[in-house]
Amino acid sequence: MKLFNFVDFFYVIEHNNEYFEFEIEDDFLDNISEELDIDNFDILKMSEISEGNFDILIKTPKGDEKIYKYTLSSERISYILSITE
């Protein structure tokens, strides 16, 4: 599995020549909002660190940038594997 593309709050994973589009989970986004006490932010970049693990760079309304760790959920991994294996 590898990160193929990322746009806004959606990302595409490629595995065995199959492509899967997912939206970043609301819980993950809500935790960022609560931690920073902000209502909105922009996701600037999503980078794959290792299989299923990513760094997400966000930018706050004040212009601050911060990196968060994001892990592909076990449900999503199981779904991808059920289709491709």
C-alpha atoms as a PDB file:
ATOM      1  CA  MET A   1       0.000   0.000   0.000  1.00  0.00           C
ATOM      2  CA  LYS A   2       1.252   3.456  -0.769  1.00  0.00           C
ATOM      3  CA  LEU A   3      -0.079   6.974  -0.889  1.00  0.00           C
ATOM      4  CA  PHE A   4      -0.883   7.789  -4.506  1.00  0.00           C
ATOM      5  CA  ASN A   5      -2.501  11.217  -4.264  1.00  0.00           C
ATOM      6  CA  PHE A   6      -3.938  13.700  -1.800  1.00  0.00           C
ATOM      7  CA  VAL A   7      -6.451  16.534  -2.317  1.00  0.00           C
ATOM      8  CA  ASP A   8      -8.173  18.534   0.427  1.00  0.00           C
ATOM      9  CA  PHE A   9      -9.470  16.000   2.961  1.00  0.00           C
ATOM     10  CA  PHE A  10      -9.293  13.015   0.580  1.00  0.00           C
ATOM     11  CA  TYR A  11      -6.444  10.676  -0.232  1.00  0.00           C
ATOM     12  CA  VAL A  12      -5.873   7.794  -2.629  1.00  0.00           C
ATOM     13  CA  ILE A  13      -4.050   4.607  -1.691  1.00  0.00           C
ATOM     14  CA  GLU A  14      -2.609   2.316  -4.369  1.00  0.00           C
ATOM     15  CA  HIS A  15      -2.174  -1.392  -3.669  1.00  0.00           C
ATOM     16  CA  ASN A  16      -1.577  -4.118  -6.271  1.00  0.00           C
ATOM     17  CA  ASN A  17      -2.627  -1.778  -9.092  1.00  0.00           C
ATOM     18  CA  GLU A  18      -5.959  -1.019  -7.402  1.00  0.00           C
ATOM     19  CA  TYR A  19      -6.827   2.501  -6.203  1.00  0.00           C
ATOM     20  CA  PHE A  20      -8.878   3.392  -3.127  1.00  0.00           C
ATOM     21  CA  GLU A  21     -10.139   6.878  -2.285  1.00  0.00           C
ATOM     22  CA  PHE A  22     -10.833   7.712   1.346  1.00  0.00           C
ATOM     23  CA  GLU A  23     -11.747  10.778   3.349  1.00  0.00           C
ATOM     24  CA  ILE A  24      -9.751  11.581   6.477  1.00  0.00           C
ATOM     25  CA  GLU A  25     -11.862  10.519   9.456  1.00  0.00           C
ATOM     26  CA  ASP A  26     -13.878  13.221  11.219  1.00  0.00           C
ATOM     27  CA  ASP A  27     -12.563  12.085  14.613  1.00  0.00           C
ATOM     28  CA  PHE A  28      -8.999  12.802  13.540  1.00  0.00           C
ATOM     29  CA  LEU A  29      -9.938  16.252  12.201  1.00  0.00           C
ATOM     30  CA  ASP A  30     -12.061  17.054  15.270  1.00  0.00           C
ATOM     31  CA  ASN A  31      -9.157  16.165  17.580  1.00  0.00           C
ATOM     32  CA  ILE A  32      -6.937  18.669  15.766  1.00  0.00           C
ATOM     33  CA  SER A  33      -9.612  21.370  16.038  1.00  0.00           C
ATOM     34  CA  GLU A  34     -10.078  20.695  19.753  1.00  0.00           C
ATOM     35  CA  GLU A  35      -6.349  20.566  20.503  1.00  0.00           C
ATOM     36  CA  LEU A  36      -5.696  23.885  18.758  1.00  0.00           C
ATOM     37  CA  ASP A  37      -9.052  25.433  19.733  1.00  0.00           C
ATOM     38  CA  ILE A  38      -9.858  26.425  16.159  1.00  0.00           C
ATOM     39  CA  ASP A  39     -12.854  25.808  13.917  1.00  0.00           C
ATOM     40  CA  ASN A  40     -11.035  25.348  10.635  1.00  0.00           C
ATOM     41  CA  PHE A  41      -7.616  24.738   9.136  1.00  0.00           C
ATOM     42  CA  ASP A  42      -6.060  23.805   5.818  1.00  0.00           C
ATOM     43  CA  ILE A  43      -4.244  20.581   5.095  1.00  0.00           C
ATOM     44  CA  LEU A  44      -1.203  21.520   3.058  1.00  0.00           C
ATOM     45  CA  LYS A  45       0.530  18.199   2.589  1.00  0.00           C
ATOM     46  CA  MET A  46       0.215  14.507   3.326  1.00  0.00           C
ATOM     47  CA  SER A  47       3.422  12.448   3.241  1.00  0.00           C
ATOM     48  CA  GLU A  48       3.809   8.709   3.621  1.00  0.00           C
ATOM     49  CA  ILE A  49       6.279   7.819   6.380  1.00  0.00           C
ATOM     50  CA  SER A  50       5.820   4.058   6.148  1.00  0.00           C
ATOM     51  CA  GLU A  51       3.079   1.740   4.934  1.00  0.00           C
ATOM     52  CA  GLY A  52      -0.173   3.022   6.448  1.00  0.00           C
ATOM     53  CA  ASN A  53       1.523   5.849   8.408  1.00  0.00           C
ATOM     54  CA  PHE A  54       1.505   9.471   7.302  1.00  0.00           C
ATOM     55  CA  ASP A  55       2.503  12.965   8.333  1.00  0.00           C
ATOM     56  CA  ILE A  56      -0.164  15.586   7.709  1.00  0.00           C
ATOM     57  CA  LEU A  57       0.942  19.228   7.585  1.00  0.00           C
ATOM     58  CA  ILE A  58      -1.802  21.670   8.556  1.00  0.00           C
ATOM     59  CA  LYS A  59      -1.987  25.457   8.503  1.00  0.00           C
ATOM     60  CA  THR A  60      -4.114  27.346  11.013  1.00  0.00           C
ATOM     61  CA  PRO A  61      -6.056  30.550  10.252  1.00  0.00           C
ATOM     62  CA  LYS A  62      -3.221  32.476  11.996  1.00  0.00           C
ATOM     63  CA  GLY A  63      -0.691  30.977   9.576  1.00  0.00           C
ATOM     64  CA  ASP A  64       0.914  28.534  12.011  1.00  0.00           C
ATOM     65  CA  GLU A  65       1.944  25.168  10.581  1.00  0.00           C
ATOM     66  CA  LYS A  66       1.940  21.906  12.512  1.00  0.00           C
ATOM     67  CA  ILE A  67       2.501  18.248  11.621  1.00  0.00           C
ATOM     68  CA  TYR A  68       0.199  15.472  12.842  1.00  0.00           C
ATOM     69  CA  LYS A  69       0.669  11.710  12.621  1.00  0.00           C
ATOM     70  CA  TYR A  70      -2.111   9.850  10.811  1.00  0.00           C
ATOM     71  CA  THR A  71      -2.460   6.082  10.641  1.00  0.00           C
ATOM     72  CA  LEU A  72      -4.637   4.217   8.205  1.00  0.00           C
ATOM     73  CA  SER A  73      -7.333   2.481  10.251  1.00  0.00           C
ATOM     74  CA  SER A  74      -7.324  -1.295  10.549  1.00  0.00           C
ATOM     75  CA  GLU A  75     -10.776  -1.329   8.920  1.00  0.00           C
ATOM     76  CA  ARG A  76      -9.442   0.451   5.855  1.00  0.00           C
ATOM     77  CA  ILE A  77      -6.392  -1.793   5.662  1.00  0.00           C
ATOM     78  CA  SER A  78      -8.646  -4.871   5.909  1.00  0.00           C
ATOM     79  CA  TYR A  79     -10.913  -3.492   3.193  1.00  0.00           C
ATOM     80  CA  ILE A  80      -7.996  -2.847   0.822  1.00  0.00           C
ATOM     81  CA  LEU A  81      -6.562  -6.296   1.448  1.00  0.00           C
ATOM     82  CA  SER A  82      -9.940  -7.986   0.967  1.00  0.00           C
ATOM     83  CA  ILE A  83     -10.173  -6.479  -2.520  1.00  0.00           C
ATOM     84  CA  THR A  84      -6.569  -6.993  -3.629  1.00  0.00           C
ATOM     85  CA  GLU A  85      -5.489 -10.278  -2.061  1.00  0.00           C
END
